[in-house]
Amino acid sequence: MERLKCKACNCYSMVPMEVSLEEKEKVYESISDSQFYTCHVCGDNWLSVREDEDTGDSRVTFVHQMGMSPVLKRVARLQKDILLKETTVEKWEYYLDDEEIDESSWQEKLTNRRKILKSICSN
């Protein structure tokens, strides 16, 4: 099992897991890939979901959650068959729960979230 470096605690304890949908309901037919990442040291986690849209493009959503709220989401829009990289994203959208916010506020909330997780496992 491949372990990645956690962006919160810096340990090589981040484990990606593929999420499989047992029942393919009509709602989930557009989902082409989803993975859940979790750190076995500090508990940082996020879900990434890649959805193919009717326009031929893709939308990749990253959902970061600590406890029940707030939920931080970042949505990338890119061409369907292109590998996700910062340079290939046409547009990023940032959300706190369901409210769209600016990138700097979103980054600040994510940074604070990761500082809290790091401090919990460091003490």
C-alpha atoms as a PDB file:
ATOM      1  CA  MET A   1       0.000   0.000   0.000  1.00  0.00           C
ATOM      2  CA  GLU A   2       1.441   3.339  -1.097  1.00  0.00           C
ATOM      3  CA  ARG A   3       1.794   5.900   1.692  1.00  0.00           C
ATOM      4  CA  LEU A   4       1.909   9.590   0.856  1.00  0.00           C
ATOM      5  CA  LYS A   5       3.247  12.484   2.919  1.00  0.00           C
ATOM      6  CA  CYS A   6       0.497  14.127   4.953  1.00  0.00           C
ATOM      7  CA  LYS A   7       0.231  17.889   4.436  1.00  0.00           C
ATOM      8  CA  ALA A   8      -0.908  18.359   8.033  1.00  0.00           C
ATOM      9  CA  CYS A   9       1.578  16.353  10.148  1.00  0.00           C
ATOM     10  CA  ASN A  10       4.303  15.649   7.520  1.00  0.00           C
ATOM     11  CA  CYS A  11       4.327  11.916   8.259  1.00  0.00           C
ATOM     12  CA  TYR A  12       4.313   9.354   5.463  1.00  0.00           C
ATOM     13  CA  SER A  13       1.013   8.008   6.716  1.00  0.00           C
ATOM     14  CA  MET A  14      -1.519   9.290   4.171  1.00  0.00           C
ATOM     15  CA  VAL A  15      -3.232   6.306   2.581  1.00  0.00           C
ATOM     16  CA  PRO A  16      -5.354   6.593  -0.582  1.00  0.00           C
ATOM     17  CA  MET A  17      -8.326   4.259  -0.859  1.00  0.00           C
ATOM     18  CA  GLU A  18     -10.485   3.843  -3.928  1.00  0.00           C
ATOM     19  CA  VAL A  19     -14.153   4.381  -3.260  1.00  0.00           C
ATOM     20  CA  SER A  20     -16.409   1.974  -5.102  1.00  0.00           C
ATOM     21  CA  LEU A  21     -20.106   2.476  -5.537  1.00  0.00           C
ATOM     22  CA  GLU A  22     -21.914  -0.827  -5.090  1.00  0.00           C
ATOM     23  CA  GLU A  23     -25.169   0.369  -6.585  1.00  0.00           C
ATOM     24  CA  LYS A  24     -24.914   2.405  -9.762  1.00  0.00           C
ATOM     25  CA  GLU A  25     -27.895   4.687  -9.400  1.00  0.00           C
ATOM     26  CA  LYS A  26     -28.691   7.216 -12.081  1.00  0.00           C
ATOM     27  CA  VAL A  27     -27.197   9.970  -9.906  1.00  0.00           C
ATOM     28  CA  TYR A  28     -23.791   8.261  -9.840  1.00  0.00           C
ATOM     29  CA  GLU A  29     -23.461   7.338 -13.527  1.00  0.00           C
ATOM     30  CA  SER A  30     -21.340  10.424 -14.251  1.00  0.00           C
ATOM     31  CA  ILE A  31     -18.764   9.625 -11.552  1.00  0.00           C
ATOM     32  CA  SER A  32     -15.670   8.187 -13.200  1.00  0.00           C
ATOM     33  CA  ASP A  33     -13.259   8.057 -10.265  1.00  0.00           C
ATOM     34  CA  SER A  34     -13.305   8.739  -6.549  1.00  0.00           C
ATOM     35  CA  GLN A  35     -10.703   8.253  -3.857  1.00  0.00           C
ATOM     36  CA  PHE A  36     -10.625   8.840  -0.129  1.00  0.00           C
ATOM     37  CA  TYR A  37      -7.340   9.891   1.476  1.00  0.00           C
ATOM     38  CA  THR A  38      -6.798   9.566   5.204  1.00  0.00           C
ATOM     39  CA  CYS A  39      -3.802  10.059   7.491  1.00  0.00           C
ATOM     40  CA  HIS A  40      -3.295   7.298  10.037  1.00  0.00           C
ATOM     41  CA  VAL A  41      -1.400   9.663  12.372  1.00  0.00           C
ATOM     42  CA  CYS A  42      -3.316  12.963  12.594  1.00  0.00           C
ATOM     43  CA  GLY A  43      -6.627  12.031  10.980  1.00  0.00           C
ATOM     44  CA  ASP A  44      -6.495  14.523   8.104  1.00  0.00           C
ATOM     45  CA  ASN A  45      -8.749  13.306   5.333  1.00  0.00           C
ATOM     46  CA  TRP A  46     -10.380  14.315   2.096  1.00  0.00           C
ATOM     47  CA  LEU A  47     -12.437  12.834  -0.675  1.00  0.00           C
ATOM     48  CA  SER A  48     -11.747  13.463  -4.359  1.00  0.00           C
ATOM     49  CA  VAL A  49     -14.460  12.810  -6.928  1.00  0.00           C
ATOM     50  CA  ARG A  50     -13.981  13.140 -10.685  1.00  0.00           C
ATOM     51  CA  GLU A  51     -17.185  13.532 -12.688  1.00  0.00           C
ATOM     52  CA  ASP A  52     -17.486  13.649 -16.468  1.00  0.00           C
ATOM     53  CA  GLU A  53     -19.895  16.302 -17.660  1.00  0.00           C
ATOM     54  CA  ASP A  54     -22.082  16.321 -20.777  1.00  0.00           C
ATOM     55  CA  THR A  55     -19.959  19.137 -22.237  1.00  0.00           C
ATOM     56  CA  GLY A  56     -16.960  16.837 -22.608  1.00  0.00           C
ATOM     57  CA  ASP A  57     -15.199  18.423 -19.660  1.00  0.00           C
ATOM     58  CA  SER A  58     -14.598  17.019 -16.188  1.00  0.00           C
ATOM     59  CA  ARG A  59     -15.169  18.366 -12.721  1.00  0.00           C
ATOM     60  CA  VAL A  60     -12.977  17.229  -9.850  1.00  0.00           C
ATOM     61  CA  THR A  61     -14.230  17.993  -6.345  1.00  0.00           C
ATOM     62  CA  PHE A  62     -12.059  17.784  -3.239  1.00  0.00           C
ATOM     63  CA  VAL A  63     -13.971  17.667   0.043  1.00  0.00           C
ATOM     64  CA  HIS A  64     -12.071  18.343   3.292  1.00  0.00           C
ATOM     65  CA  GLN A  65     -13.962  17.785   6.530  1.00  0.00           C
ATOM     66  CA  MET A  66     -12.962  17.967  10.183  1.00  0.00           C
ATOM     67  CA  GLY A  67     -15.753  16.784  12.423  1.00  0.00           C
ATOM     68  CA  MET A  68     -19.125  17.692  11.039  1.00  0.00           C
ATOM     69  CA  SER A  69     -18.539  21.309   9.945  1.00  0.00           C
ATOM     70  CA  PRO A  70     -17.433  23.342   8.206  1.00  0.00           C
ATOM     71  CA  VAL A  71     -16.913  21.393   5.034  1.00  0.00           C
ATOM     72  CA  LEU A  72     -14.239  22.843   2.759  1.00  0.00           C
ATOM     73  CA  LYS A  73     -14.680  22.060  -0.932  1.00  0.00           C
ATOM     74  CA  ARG A  74     -12.509  22.923  -3.906  1.00  0.00           C
ATOM     75  CA  VAL A  75     -13.799  22.270  -7.414  1.00  0.00           C
ATOM     76  CA  ALA A  76     -11.616  22.089 -10.527  1.00  0.00           C
ATOM     77  CA  ARG A  77     -12.954  22.276 -14.055  1.00  0.00           C
ATOM     78  CA  LEU A  78     -10.781  20.805 -16.804  1.00  0.00           C
ATOM     79  CA  GLN A  79     -10.892  18.948 -20.087  1.00  0.00           C
ATOM     80  CA  LYS A  80     -12.108  15.378 -19.726  1.00  0.00           C
ATOM     81  CA  ASP A  81      -9.017  13.351 -20.595  1.00  0.00           C
ATOM     82  CA  ILE A  82      -6.380  15.632 -19.073  1.00  0.00           C
ATOM     83  CA  LEU A  83      -4.453  14.709 -15.951  1.00  0.00           C
ATOM     84  CA  LEU A  84      -5.261  17.013 -13.033  1.00  0.00           C
ATOM     85  CA  LYS A  85      -2.428  19.488 -12.427  1.00  0.00           C
ATOM     86  CA  GLU A  86      -2.476  23.114 -11.327  1.00  0.00           C
ATOM     87  CA  THR A  87      -1.594  24.163 -14.893  1.00  0.00           C
ATOM     88  CA  THR A  88      -4.380  22.148 -16.556  1.00  0.00           C
ATOM     89  CA  VAL A  89      -7.266  23.484 -14.462  1.00  0.00           C
ATOM     90  CA  GLU A  90      -9.419  25.982 -16.322  1.00  0.00           C
ATOM     91  CA  LYS A  91     -11.124  27.257 -13.181  1.00  0.00           C
ATOM     92  CA  TRP A  92     -11.056  26.601  -9.430  1.00  0.00           C
ATOM     93  CA  GLU A  93     -14.103  27.243  -7.243  1.00  0.00           C
ATOM     94  CA  TYR A  94     -13.847  27.353  -3.435  1.00  0.00           C
ATOM     95  CA  TYR A  95     -16.635  26.626  -0.952  1.00  0.00           C
ATOM     96  CA  LEU A  96     -17.195  26.761   2.788  1.00  0.00           C
ATOM     97  CA  ASP A  97     -20.112  24.372   3.217  1.00  0.00           C
ATOM     98  CA  ASP A  98     -22.267  25.370   0.221  1.00  0.00           C
ATOM     99  CA  GLU A  99     -21.255  29.052   0.129  1.00  0.00           C
ATOM    100  CA  GLU A 100     -18.688  30.070  -2.489  1.00  0.00           C
ATOM    101  CA  ILE A 101     -15.754  31.981  -0.972  1.00  0.00           C
ATOM    102  CA  ASP A 102     -12.510  33.451  -2.296  1.00  0.00           C
ATOM    103  CA  GLU A 103      -9.356  31.363  -2.572  1.00  0.00           C
ATOM    104  CA  SER A 104      -7.407  33.171   0.165  1.00  0.00           C
ATOM    105  CA  SER A 105     -10.177  32.614   2.749  1.00  0.00           C
ATOM    106  CA  TRP A 106     -10.418  28.964   1.744  1.00  0.00           C
ATOM    107  CA  GLN A 107      -6.635  28.456   1.983  1.00  0.00           C
ATOM    108  CA  GLU A 108      -6.606  30.145   5.408  1.00  0.00           C
ATOM    109  CA  LYS A 109      -9.344  27.816   6.701  1.00  0.00           C
ATOM    110  CA  LEU A 110      -7.542  24.747   5.330  1.00  0.00           C
ATOM    111  CA  THR A 111      -4.232  25.886   6.858  1.00  0.00           C
ATOM    112  CA  ASN A 112      -5.899  26.432  10.250  1.00  0.00           C
ATOM    113  CA  ARG A 113      -7.557  23.014  10.011  1.00  0.00           C
ATOM    114  CA  ARG A 114      -4.220  21.347   9.356  1.00  0.00           C
ATOM    115  CA  LYS A 115      -2.518  23.275  12.186  1.00  0.00           C
ATOM    116  CA  ILE A 116      -5.163  21.992  14.595  1.00  0.00           C
ATOM    117  CA  LEU A 117      -4.692  18.403  13.398  1.00  0.00           C
ATOM    118  CA  LYS A 118      -0.913  18.674  13.705  1.00  0.00           C
ATOM    119  CA  SER A 119      -1.125  20.133  17.207  1.00  0.00           C
ATOM    120  CA  ILE A 120      -3.470  17.355  18.338  1.00  0.00           C
ATOM    121  CA  CYS A 121      -1.086  14.584  17.286  1.00  0.00           C
ATOM    122  CA  SER A 122       2.025  16.507  18.468  1.00  0.00           C
ATOM    123  CA  ASN A 123       0.834  16.945  22.060  1.00  0.00           C
END
